[in-house]
Amino acid sequence: MNIDLDGMTPDELKKLIADAQKALKSVDQRRRAEAKRAAENAAKEFGFSLDEVMEAGPKGSKGAPRFANPADPSQTWTGRGRKPNWVIEALEQGKSMDDLAL
């Protein structure tokens, strides 16, 4: 598709931009609808509706907190994963993990 943009008036260019934006929205809506249909079909293959799959949410939890920051008890850590900065700082100050335990 070749359009002579140089030969267009400002009003024609504005209309072209508006038409292109409408077309882009339409494409996005169609693709979103196609994606939803594909997701519904995939869920159906496993015997679920898409709503049932979406309501299921995440499977486990992050676990109960086992340690808390003595300076700010709202900061907690389960003991899994990377140590928060407040744990590292407390250990560097000579505290033990038992000192941070809940």
PDB file of N, CA and C in Angstrom:
ATOM      1  N   MET A   1       0.847  -1.167   0.000  1.00  0.00           N
ATOM      2  CA  MET A   1       0.000   0.000   0.000  1.00  0.00           C
ATOM      3  C   MET A   1       0.900   1.239   0.000  1.00  0.00           C
ATOM      4  N   ASN A   2       0.856   1.974  -1.058  1.00  0.00           N
ATOM      5  CA  ASN A   2       1.642   3.198  -1.167  1.00  0.00           C
ATOM      6  C   ASN A   2       0.717   4.406  -1.093  1.00  0.00           C
ATOM      7  N   ILE A   3       0.966   5.248  -0.133  1.00  0.00           N
ATOM      8  CA  ILE A   3       0.186   6.467   0.040  1.00  0.00           C
ATOM      9  C   ILE A   3       1.138   7.638  -0.108  1.00  0.00           C
ATOM     10  N   ASP A   4       0.757   8.597  -0.922  1.00  0.00           N
ATOM     11  CA  ASP A   4       1.589   9.779  -1.131  1.00  0.00           C
ATOM     12  C   ASP A   4       1.308  10.772  -0.008  1.00  0.00           C
ATOM     13  N   LEU A   5       2.051  10.639   1.087  1.00  0.00           N
ATOM     14  CA  LEU A   5       1.835  11.511   2.240  1.00  0.00           C
ATOM     15  C   LEU A   5       2.228  12.951   1.946  1.00  0.00           C
ATOM     16  N   ASP A   6       3.215  13.137   1.103  1.00  0.00           N
ATOM     17  CA  ASP A   6       3.671  14.488   0.784  1.00  0.00           C
ATOM     18  C   ASP A   6       2.610  15.292   0.039  1.00  0.00           C
ATOM     19  N   GLY A   7       1.769  14.616  -0.707  1.00  0.00           N
ATOM     20  CA  GLY A   7       0.742  15.305  -1.489  1.00  0.00           C
ATOM     21  C   GLY A   7      -0.553  15.523  -0.742  1.00  0.00           C
ATOM     22  N   MET A   8      -0.624  15.114   0.524  1.00  0.00           N
ATOM     23  CA  MET A   8      -1.866  15.222   1.295  1.00  0.00           C
ATOM     24  C   MET A   8      -1.904  16.532   2.075  1.00  0.00           C
ATOM     25  N   THR A   9      -3.127  17.029   2.261  1.00  0.00           N
ATOM     26  CA  THR A   9      -3.317  18.237   3.066  1.00  0.00           C
ATOM     27  C   THR A   9      -3.273  17.851   4.541  1.00  0.00           C
ATOM     28  N   PRO A  10      -3.097  18.833   5.409  1.00  0.00           N
ATOM     29  CA  PRO A  10      -3.113  18.519   6.844  1.00  0.00           C
ATOM     30  C   PRO A  10      -4.408  17.836   7.291  1.00  0.00           C
ATOM     31  N   ASP A  11      -5.543  18.263   6.764  1.00  0.00           N
ATOM     32  CA  ASP A  11      -6.815  17.629   7.140  1.00  0.00           C
ATOM     33  C   ASP A  11      -6.869  16.183   6.673  1.00  0.00           C
ATOM     34  N   GLU A  12      -6.358  15.919   5.463  1.00  0.00           N
ATOM     35  CA  GLU A  12      -6.334  14.550   4.953  1.00  0.00           C
ATOM     36  C   GLU A  12      -5.408  13.681   5.797  1.00  0.00           C
ATOM     37  N   LEU A  13      -4.283  14.232   6.216  1.00  0.00           N
ATOM     38  CA  LEU A  13      -3.363  13.487   7.072  1.00  0.00           C
ATOM     39  C   LEU A  13      -3.996  13.175   8.424  1.00  0.00           C
ATOM     40  N   LYS A  14      -4.703  14.160   8.999  1.00  0.00           N
ATOM     41  CA  LYS A  14      -5.381  13.938  10.289  1.00  0.00           C
ATOM     42  C   LYS A  14      -6.427  12.846  10.163  1.00  0.00           C
ATOM     43  N   LYS A  15      -7.187  12.861   9.046  1.00  0.00           N
ATOM     44  CA  LYS A  15      -8.203  11.831   8.837  1.00  0.00           C
ATOM     45  C   LYS A  15      -7.550  10.464   8.672  1.00  0.00           C
ATOM     46  N   LEU A  16      -6.438  10.427   7.952  1.00  0.00           N
ATOM     47  CA  LEU A  16      -5.716   9.168   7.774  1.00  0.00           C
ATOM     48  C   LEU A  16      -5.233   8.623   9.111  1.00  0.00           C
ATOM     49  N   ILE A  17      -4.720   9.494   9.965  1.00  0.00           N
ATOM     50  CA  ILE A  17      -4.262   9.072  11.288  1.00  0.00           C
ATOM     51  C   ILE A  17      -5.424   8.531  12.107  1.00  0.00           C
ATOM     52  N   ALA A  18      -6.558   9.251  12.088  1.00  0.00           N
ATOM     53  CA  ALA A  18      -7.736   8.809  12.845  1.00  0.00           C
ATOM     54  C   ALA A  18      -8.224   7.459  12.341  1.00  0.00           C
ATOM     55  N   ASP A  19      -8.259   7.292  11.009  1.00  0.00           N
ATOM     56  CA  ASP A  19      -8.705   6.016  10.443  1.00  0.00           C
ATOM     57  C   ASP A  19      -7.747   4.888  10.812  1.00  0.00           C
ATOM     58  N   ALA A  20      -6.454   5.182  10.806  1.00  0.00           N
ATOM     59  CA  ALA A  20      -5.464   4.163  11.159  1.00  0.00           C
ATOM     60  C   ALA A  20      -5.602   3.776  12.634  1.00  0.00           C
ATOM     61  N   GLN A  21      -5.870   4.733  13.509  1.00  0.00           N
ATOM     62  CA  GLN A  21      -6.042   4.425  14.935  1.00  0.00           C
ATOM     63  C   GLN A  21      -7.281   3.563  15.159  1.00  0.00           C
ATOM     64  N   LYS A  22      -8.372   3.855  14.424  1.00  0.00           N
ATOM     65  CA  LYS A  22      -9.581   3.027  14.528  1.00  0.00           C
ATOM     66  C   LYS A  22      -9.291   1.601  14.060  1.00  0.00           C
ATOM     67  N   ALA A  23      -8.560   1.483  12.962  1.00  0.00           N
ATOM     68  CA  ALA A  23      -8.228   0.161  12.430  1.00  0.00           C
ATOM     69  C   ALA A  23      -7.352  -0.611  13.410  1.00  0.00           C
ATOM     70  N   LEU A  24      -6.432   0.081  14.054  1.00  0.00           N
ATOM     71  CA  LEU A  24      -5.550  -0.561  15.031  1.00  0.00           C
ATOM     72  C   LEU A  24      -6.349  -1.081  16.218  1.00  0.00           C
ATOM     73  N   LYS A  25      -7.311  -0.283  16.702  1.00  0.00           N
ATOM     74  CA  LYS A  25      -8.173  -0.738  17.805  1.00  0.00           C
ATOM     75  C   LYS A  25      -8.942  -1.979  17.393  1.00  0.00           C
ATOM     76  N   SER A  26      -9.463  -1.967  16.177  1.00  0.00           N
ATOM     77  CA  SER A  26     -10.237  -3.093  15.677  1.00  0.00           C
ATOM     78  C   SER A  26      -9.382  -4.359  15.629  1.00  0.00           C
ATOM     79  N   VAL A  27      -8.153  -4.225  15.176  1.00  0.00           N
ATOM     80  CA  VAL A  27      -7.246  -5.374  15.120  1.00  0.00           C
ATOM     81  C   VAL A  27      -6.983  -5.902  16.522  1.00  0.00           C
ATOM     82  N   ASP A  28      -6.741  -5.003  17.477  1.00  0.00           N
ATOM     83  CA  ASP A  28      -6.496  -5.421  18.860  1.00  0.00           C
ATOM     84  C   ASP A  28      -7.703  -6.154  19.434  1.00  0.00           C
ATOM     85  N   GLN A  29      -8.894  -5.639  19.171  1.00  0.00           N
ATOM     86  CA  GLN A  29     -10.109  -6.286  19.695  1.00  0.00           C
ATOM     87  C   GLN A  29     -10.295  -7.676  19.095  1.00  0.00           C
ATOM     88  N   ARG A  30     -10.045  -7.797  17.786  1.00  0.00           N
ATOM     89  CA  ARG A  30     -10.160  -9.116  17.140  1.00  0.00           C
ATOM     90  C   ARG A  30      -9.149 -10.096  17.704  1.00  0.00           C
ATOM     91  N   ARG A  31      -7.915  -9.649  17.872  1.00  0.00           N
ATOM     92  CA  ARG A  31      -6.868 -10.545  18.400  1.00  0.00           C
ATOM     93  C   ARG A  31      -7.170 -10.957  19.832  1.00  0.00           C
ATOM     94  N   ARG A  32      -7.696 -10.023  20.623  1.00  0.00           N
ATOM     95  CA  ARG A  32      -8.054 -10.340  22.005  1.00  0.00           C
ATOM     96  C   ARG A  32      -9.174 -11.387  22.027  1.00  0.00           C
ATOM     97  N   ALA A  33     -10.158 -11.223  21.145  1.00  0.00           N
ATOM     98  CA  ALA A  33     -11.261 -12.187  21.061  1.00  0.00           C
ATOM     99  C   ALA A  33     -10.744 -13.560  20.637  1.00  0.00           C
ATOM    100  N   GLU A  34      -9.807 -13.581  19.672  1.00  0.00           N
ATOM    101  CA  GLU A  34      -9.218 -14.852  19.234  1.00  0.00           C
ATOM    102  C   GLU A  34      -8.447 -15.519  20.368  1.00  0.00           C
ATOM    103  N   ALA A  35      -7.717 -14.732  21.129  1.00  0.00           N
ATOM    104  CA  ALA A  35      -6.955 -15.274  22.255  1.00  0.00           C
ATOM    105  C   ALA A  35      -7.897 -15.854  23.307  1.00  0.00           C
ATOM    106  N   LYS A  36      -8.996 -15.154  23.561  1.00  0.00           N
ATOM    107  CA  LYS A  36      -9.958 -15.653  24.552  1.00  0.00           C
ATOM    108  C   LYS A  36     -10.572 -16.966  24.084  1.00  0.00           C
ATOM    109  N   ARG A  37     -10.926 -17.042  22.799  1.00  0.00           N
ATOM    110  CA  ARG A  37     -11.477 -18.302  22.272  1.00  0.00           C
ATOM    111  C   ARG A  37     -10.475 -19.437  22.394  1.00  0.00           C
ATOM    112  N   ALA A  38      -9.218 -19.162  22.095  1.00  0.00           N
ATOM    113  CA  ALA A  38      -8.186 -20.194  22.194  1.00  0.00           C
ATOM    114  C   ALA A  38      -8.023 -20.643  23.642  1.00  0.00           C
ATOM    115  N   ALA A  39      -8.057 -19.702  24.577  1.00  0.00           N
ATOM    116  CA  ALA A  39      -7.933 -20.049  25.999  1.00  0.00           C
ATOM    117  C   ALA A  39      -9.140 -20.869  26.453  1.00  0.00           C
ATOM    118  N   GLU A  40     -10.329 -20.482  25.996  1.00  0.00           N
ATOM    119  CA  GLU A  40     -11.538 -21.245  26.352  1.00  0.00           C
ATOM    120  C   GLU A  40     -11.457 -22.668  25.825  1.00  0.00           C
ATOM    121  N   ASN A  41     -10.987 -22.817  24.592  1.00  0.00           N
ATOM    122  CA  ASN A  41     -10.850 -24.162  24.007  1.00  0.00           C
ATOM    123  C   ASN A  41      -9.815 -24.988  24.758  1.00  0.00           C
ATOM    124  N   ALA A  42      -8.705 -24.363  25.151  1.00  0.00           N
ATOM    125  CA  ALA A  42      -7.673 -25.083  25.897  1.00  0.00           C
ATOM    126  C   ALA A  42      -8.214 -25.538  27.253  1.00  0.00           C
ATOM    127  N   ALA A  43      -8.950 -24.678  27.944  1.00  0.00           N
ATOM    128  CA  ALA A  43      -9.533 -25.046  29.240  1.00  0.00           C
ATOM    129  C   ALA A  43     -10.552 -26.165  29.063  1.00  0.00           C
ATOM    130  N   LYS A  44     -11.326 -26.075  27.980  1.00  0.00           N
ATOM    131  CA  LYS A  44     -12.363 -27.082  27.701  1.00  0.00           C
ATOM    132  C   LYS A  44     -11.750 -28.461  27.487  1.00  0.00           C
ATOM    133  N   GLU A  45     -10.568 -28.515  26.864  1.00  0.00           N
ATOM    134  CA  GLU A  45      -9.889 -29.795  26.635  1.00  0.00           C
ATOM    135  C   GLU A  45      -9.580 -30.507  27.949  1.00  0.00           C
ATOM    136  N   PHE A  46      -9.395 -29.733  29.026  1.00  0.00           N
ATOM    137  CA  PHE A  46      -9.104 -30.303  30.335  1.00  0.00           C
ATOM    138  C   PHE A  46     -10.352 -30.433  31.201  1.00  0.00           C
ATOM    139  N   GLY A  47     -11.506 -30.106  30.637  1.00  0.00           N
ATOM    140  CA  GLY A  47     -12.761 -30.270  31.362  1.00  0.00           C
ATOM    141  C   GLY A  47     -13.131 -29.092  32.245  1.00  0.00           C
ATOM    142  N   PHE A  48     -12.593 -27.934  31.969  1.00  0.00           N
ATOM    143  CA  PHE A  48     -12.898 -26.742  32.758  1.00  0.00           C
ATOM    144  C   PHE A  48     -13.421 -25.637  31.862  1.00  0.00           C
ATOM    145  N   SER A  49     -14.101 -24.690  32.494  1.00  0.00           N
ATOM    146  CA  SER A  49     -14.425 -23.463  31.775  1.00  0.00           C
ATOM    147  C   SER A  49     -13.292 -22.480  32.040  1.00  0.00           C
ATOM    148  N   LEU A  50     -13.198 -21.466  31.214  1.00  0.00           N
ATOM    149  CA  LEU A  50     -12.150 -20.469  31.411  1.00  0.00           C
ATOM    150  C   LEU A  50     -12.339 -19.763  32.748  1.00  0.00           C
ATOM    151  N   ASP A  51     -13.579 -19.513  33.146  1.00  0.00           N
ATOM    152  CA  ASP A  51     -13.841 -18.876  34.446  1.00  0.00           C
ATOM    153  C   ASP A  51     -13.333 -19.733  35.595  1.00  0.00           C
ATOM    154  N   GLU A  52     -13.528 -21.045  35.508  1.00  0.00           N
ATOM    155  CA  GLU A  52     -13.045 -21.934  36.570  1.00  0.00           C
ATOM    156  C   GLU A  52     -11.525 -21.891  36.676  1.00  0.00           C
ATOM    157  N   VAL A  53     -10.863 -21.848  35.544  1.00  0.00           N
ATOM    158  CA  VAL A  53      -9.406 -21.807  35.549  1.00  0.00           C
ATOM    159  C   VAL A  53      -8.918 -20.489  36.140  1.00  0.00           C
ATOM    160  N   MET A  54      -9.553 -19.391  35.768  1.00  0.00           N
ATOM    161  CA  MET A  54      -9.133 -18.073  36.247  1.00  0.00           C
ATOM    162  C   MET A  54      -9.408 -17.898  37.738  1.00  0.00           C
ATOM    163  N   GLU A  55     -10.465 -18.504  38.247  1.00  0.00           N
ATOM    164  CA  GLU A  55     -10.798 -18.389  39.675  1.00  0.00           C
ATOM    165  C   GLU A  55      -9.861 -19.210  40.547  1.00  0.00           C
ATOM    166  N   ALA A  56      -9.227 -20.213  39.982  1.00  0.00           N
ATOM    167  CA  ALA A  56      -8.380 -21.110  40.764  1.00  0.00           C
ATOM    168  C   ALA A  56      -7.246 -20.360  41.439  1.00  0.00           C
ATOM    169  N   GLY A  57      -6.710 -19.360  40.782  1.00  0.00           N
ATOM    170  CA  GLY A  57      -5.646 -18.556  41.367  1.00  0.00           C
ATOM    171  C   GLY A  57      -4.362 -19.346  41.537  1.00  0.00           C
ATOM    172  N   PRO A  58      -3.415 -18.744  42.232  1.00  0.00           N
ATOM    173  CA  PRO A  58      -2.141 -19.420  42.426  1.00  0.00           C
ATOM    174  C   PRO A  58      -2.275 -20.635  43.327  1.00  0.00           C
ATOM    175  N   LYS A  59      -1.464 -21.655  43.109  1.00  0.00           N
ATOM    176  CA  LYS A  59      -1.543 -22.886  43.896  1.00  0.00           C
ATOM    177  C   LYS A  59      -0.971 -22.735  45.274  1.00  0.00           C
ATOM    178  N   GLY A  60      -0.108 -22.664  45.772  1.00  0.00           N
ATOM    179  CA  GLY A  60       0.379 -22.603  47.131  1.00  0.00           C
ATOM    180  C   GLY A  60       0.532 -21.201  47.640  1.00  0.00           C
ATOM    181  N   SER A  61       1.039 -21.141  48.804  1.00  0.00           N
ATOM    182  CA  SER A  61       1.284 -19.816  49.360  1.00  0.00           C
ATOM    183  C   SER A  61       2.789 -19.649  49.529  1.00  0.00           C
ATOM    184  N   LYS A  62       3.174 -18.497  49.902  1.00  0.00           N
ATOM    185  CA  LYS A  62       4.598 -18.239  50.081  1.00  0.00           C
ATOM    186  C   LYS A  62       5.102 -18.799  51.404  1.00  0.00           C
ATOM    187  N   GLY A  63       4.213 -19.247  52.238  1.00  0.00           N
ATOM    188  CA  GLY A  63       4.604 -19.790  53.526  1.00  0.00           C
ATOM    189  C   GLY A  63       4.463 -18.760  54.629  1.00  0.00           C
ATOM    190  N   ALA A  64       4.440 -19.264  55.831  1.00  0.00           N
ATOM    191  CA  ALA A  64       4.289 -18.384  56.984  1.00  0.00           C
ATOM    192  C   ALA A  64       5.622 -17.722  57.311  1.00  0.00           C
ATOM    193  N   PRO A  65       5.585 -16.473  57.735  1.00  0.00           N
ATOM    194  CA  PRO A  65       6.833 -15.807  58.101  1.00  0.00           C
ATOM    195  C   PRO A  65       7.458 -16.471  59.319  1.00  0.00           C
ATOM    196  N   ARG A  66       8.776 -16.619  59.299  1.00  0.00           N
ATOM    197  CA  ARG A  66       9.497 -17.220  60.430  1.00  0.00           C
ATOM    198  C   ARG A  66      10.430 -16.229  61.093  1.00  0.00           C
ATOM    199  N   PHE A  67      10.720 -15.126  60.385  1.00  0.00           N
ATOM    200  CA  PHE A  67      11.654 -14.130  60.915  1.00  0.00           C
ATOM    201  C   PHE A  67      11.060 -12.741  60.742  1.00  0.00           C
ATOM    202  N   ALA A  68      11.402 -11.842  61.662  1.00  0.00           N
ATOM    203  CA  ALA A  68      10.920 -10.463  61.574  1.00  0.00           C
ATOM    204  C   ALA A  68      12.059  -9.509  61.894  1.00  0.00           C
ATOM    205  N   ASN A  69      12.008  -8.355  61.295  1.00  0.00           N
ATOM    206  CA  ASN A  69      12.992  -7.313  61.531  1.00  0.00           C
ATOM    207  C   ASN A  69      12.719  -6.697  62.902  1.00  0.00           C
ATOM    208  N   PRO A  70      13.658  -6.761  63.843  1.00  0.00           N
ATOM    209  CA  PRO A  70      13.415  -6.187  65.168  1.00  0.00           C
ATOM    210  C   PRO A  70      13.152  -4.683  65.116  1.00  0.00           C
ATOM    211  N   ALA A  71      13.743  -3.986  64.157  1.00  0.00           N
ATOM    212  CA  ALA A  71      13.542  -2.544  64.043  1.00  0.00           C
ATOM    213  C   ALA A  71      12.196  -2.210  63.415  1.00  0.00           C
ATOM    214  N   ASP A  72      11.641  -3.126  62.595  1.00  0.00           N
ATOM    215  CA  ASP A  72      10.356  -2.904  61.930  1.00  0.00           C
ATOM    216  C   ASP A  72       9.647  -4.242  61.786  1.00  0.00           C
ATOM    217  N   PRO A  73       8.846  -4.639  62.783  1.00  0.00           N
ATOM    218  CA  PRO A  73       8.206  -5.961  62.778  1.00  0.00           C
ATOM    219  C   PRO A  73       7.291  -6.223  61.584  1.00  0.00           C
ATOM    220  N   SER A  74       6.932  -5.179  60.819  1.00  0.00           N
ATOM    221  CA  SER A  74       6.096  -5.418  59.647  1.00  0.00           C
ATOM    222  C   SER A  74       6.901  -6.066  58.521  1.00  0.00           C
ATOM    223  N   GLN A  75       8.238  -5.996  58.606  1.00  0.00           N
ATOM    224  CA  GLN A  75       9.097  -6.649  57.621  1.00  0.00           C
ATOM    225  C   GLN A  75       9.376  -8.067  58.095  1.00  0.00           C
ATOM    226  N   THR A  76       8.866  -9.033  57.322  1.00  0.00           N
ATOM    227  CA  THR A  76       9.038 -10.441  57.694  1.00  0.00           C
ATOM    228  C   THR A  76       9.674 -11.201  56.548  1.00  0.00           C
ATOM    229  N   TRP A  77      10.120 -12.418  56.868  1.00  0.00           N
ATOM    230  CA  TRP A  77      10.739 -13.291  55.875  1.00  0.00           C
ATOM    231  C   TRP A  77      10.405 -14.721  56.238  1.00  0.00           C
ATOM    232  N   THR A  78      10.124 -15.541  55.233  1.00  0.00           N
ATOM    233  CA  THR A  78       9.774 -16.949  55.462  1.00  0.00           C
ATOM    234  C   THR A  78      10.988 -17.824  55.679  1.00  0.00           C
ATOM    235  N   GLY A  79      12.170 -17.320  55.334  1.00  0.00           N
ATOM    236  CA  GLY A  79      13.366 -18.131  55.423  1.00  0.00           C
ATOM    237  C   GLY A  79      13.696 -18.797  54.107  1.00  0.00           C
ATOM    238  N   ARG A  80      12.855 -18.554  53.109  1.00  0.00           N
ATOM    239  CA  ARG A  80      13.074 -19.121  51.778  1.00  0.00           C
ATOM    240  C   ARG A  80      13.546 -18.025  50.837  1.00  0.00           C
ATOM    241  N   GLY A  81      14.316 -18.417  49.866  1.00  0.00           N
ATOM    242  CA  GLY A  81      14.754 -17.464  48.853  1.00  0.00           C
ATOM    243  C   GLY A  81      15.862 -16.555  49.361  1.00  0.00           C
ATOM    244  N   ARG A  82      16.052 -15.506  48.640  1.00  0.00           N
ATOM    245  CA  ARG A  82      17.125 -14.560  48.943  1.00  0.00           C
ATOM    246  C   ARG A  82      16.854 -13.826  50.250  1.00  0.00           C
ATOM    247  N   LYS A  83      17.891 -13.647  51.039  1.00  0.00           N
ATOM    248  CA  LYS A  83      17.750 -12.949  52.318  1.00  0.00           C
ATOM    249  C   LYS A  83      17.464 -11.477  52.071  1.00  0.00           C
ATOM    250  N   PRO A  84      16.486 -10.912  52.768  1.00  0.00           N
ATOM    251  CA  PRO A  84      16.230  -9.482  52.649  1.00  0.00           C
ATOM    252  C   PRO A  84      17.414  -8.690  53.214  1.00  0.00           C
ATOM    253  N   ASN A  85      17.538  -7.461  52.788  1.00  0.00           N
ATOM    254  CA  ASN A  85      18.643  -6.608  53.247  1.00  0.00           C
ATOM    255  C   ASN A  85      18.662  -6.469  54.763  1.00  0.00           C
ATOM    256  N   TRP A  86      17.485  -6.386  55.390  1.00  0.00           N
ATOM    257  CA  TRP A  86      17.466  -6.217  56.839  1.00  0.00           C
ATOM    258  C   TRP A  86      18.032  -7.446  57.554  1.00  0.00           C
ATOM    259  N   VAL A  87      17.884  -8.635  56.976  1.00  0.00           N
ATOM    260  CA  VAL A  87      18.470  -9.848  57.568  1.00  0.00           C
ATOM    261  C   VAL A  87      19.987  -9.785  57.427  1.00  0.00           C
ATOM    262  N   ILE A  88      20.449  -9.440  56.241  1.00  0.00           N
ATOM    263  CA  ILE A  88      21.894  -9.347  55.993  1.00  0.00           C
ATOM    264  C   ILE A  88      22.528  -8.330  56.942  1.00  0.00           C
ATOM    265  N   GLU A  89      21.891  -7.176  57.093  1.00  0.00           N
ATOM    266  CA  GLU A  89      22.428  -6.134  57.980  1.00  0.00           C
ATOM    267  C   GLU A  89      22.456  -6.592  59.431  1.00  0.00           C
ATOM    268  N   ALA A  90      21.390  -7.281  59.865  1.00  0.00           N
ATOM    269  CA  ALA A  90      21.343  -7.760  61.246  1.00  0.00           C
ATOM    270  C   ALA A  90      22.445  -8.784  61.500  1.00  0.00           C
ATOM    271  N   LEU A  91      22.680  -9.677  60.541  1.00  0.00           N
ATOM    272  CA  LEU A  91      23.737 -10.679  60.692  1.00  0.00           C
ATOM    273  C   LEU A  91      25.109 -10.018  60.730  1.00  0.00           C
ATOM    274  N   GLU A  92      25.290  -8.966  59.916  1.00  0.00           N
ATOM    275  CA  GLU A  92      26.569  -8.242  59.923  1.00  0.00           C
ATOM    276  C   GLU A  92      26.798  -7.517  61.253  1.00  0.00           C
ATOM    277  N   GLN A  93      25.709  -7.177  61.941  1.00  0.00           N
ATOM    278  CA  GLN A  93      25.826  -6.488  63.238  1.00  0.00           C
ATOM    279  C   GLN A  93      26.002  -7.471  64.378  1.00  0.00           C
ATOM    280  N   GLY A  94      26.130  -8.748  64.051  1.00  0.00           N
ATOM    281  CA  GLY A  94      26.407  -9.746  65.080  1.00  0.00           C
ATOM    282  C   GLY A  94      25.181 -10.480  65.600  1.00  0.00           C
ATOM    283  N   LYS A  95      24.001 -10.206  65.076  1.00  0.00           N
ATOM    284  CA  LYS A  95      22.802 -10.922  65.522  1.00  0.00           C
ATOM    285  C   LYS A  95      22.767 -12.286  64.852  1.00  0.00           C
ATOM    286  N   SER A  96      22.035 -13.207  65.470  1.00  0.00           N
ATOM    287  CA  SER A  96      21.897 -14.543  64.894  1.00  0.00           C
ATOM    288  C   SER A  96      20.493 -14.667  64.328  1.00  0.00           C
ATOM    289  N   MET A  97      20.277 -15.731  63.569  1.00  0.00           N
ATOM    290  CA  MET A  97      18.951 -15.982  63.024  1.00  0.00           C
ATOM    291  C   MET A  97      17.943 -16.227  64.148  1.00  0.00           C
ATOM    292  N   ASP A  98      18.415 -16.788  65.266  1.00  0.00           N
ATOM    293  CA  ASP A  98      17.529 -16.997  66.413  1.00  0.00           C
ATOM    294  C   ASP A  98      17.027 -15.665  66.968  1.00  0.00           C
ATOM    295  N   ASP A  99      17.857 -14.619  66.880  1.00  0.00           N
ATOM    296  CA  ASP A  99      17.437 -13.302  67.346  1.00  0.00           C
ATOM    297  C   ASP A  99      16.319 -12.726  66.484  1.00  0.00           C
ATOM    298  N   LEU A 100      16.264 -13.159  65.232  1.00  0.00           N
ATOM    299  CA  LEU A 100      15.256 -12.637  64.293  1.00  0.00           C
ATOM    300  C   LEU A 100      14.018 -13.517  64.220  1.00  0.00           C
ATOM    301  N   ALA A 101      14.071 -14.703  64.823  1.00  0.00           N
ATOM    302  CA  ALA A 101      12.967 -15.648  64.737  1.00  0.00           C
ATOM    303  C   ALA A 101      11.711 -15.128  65.438  1.00  0.00           C
ATOM    304  N   LEU A 102      10.579 -15.491  64.884  1.00  0.00           N
ATOM    305  CA  LEU A 102       9.302 -15.101  65.496  1.00  0.00           C
ATOM    306  C   LEU A 102       8.939 -16.045  66.619  1.00  0.00           C
TER     307      LEU A 102
END
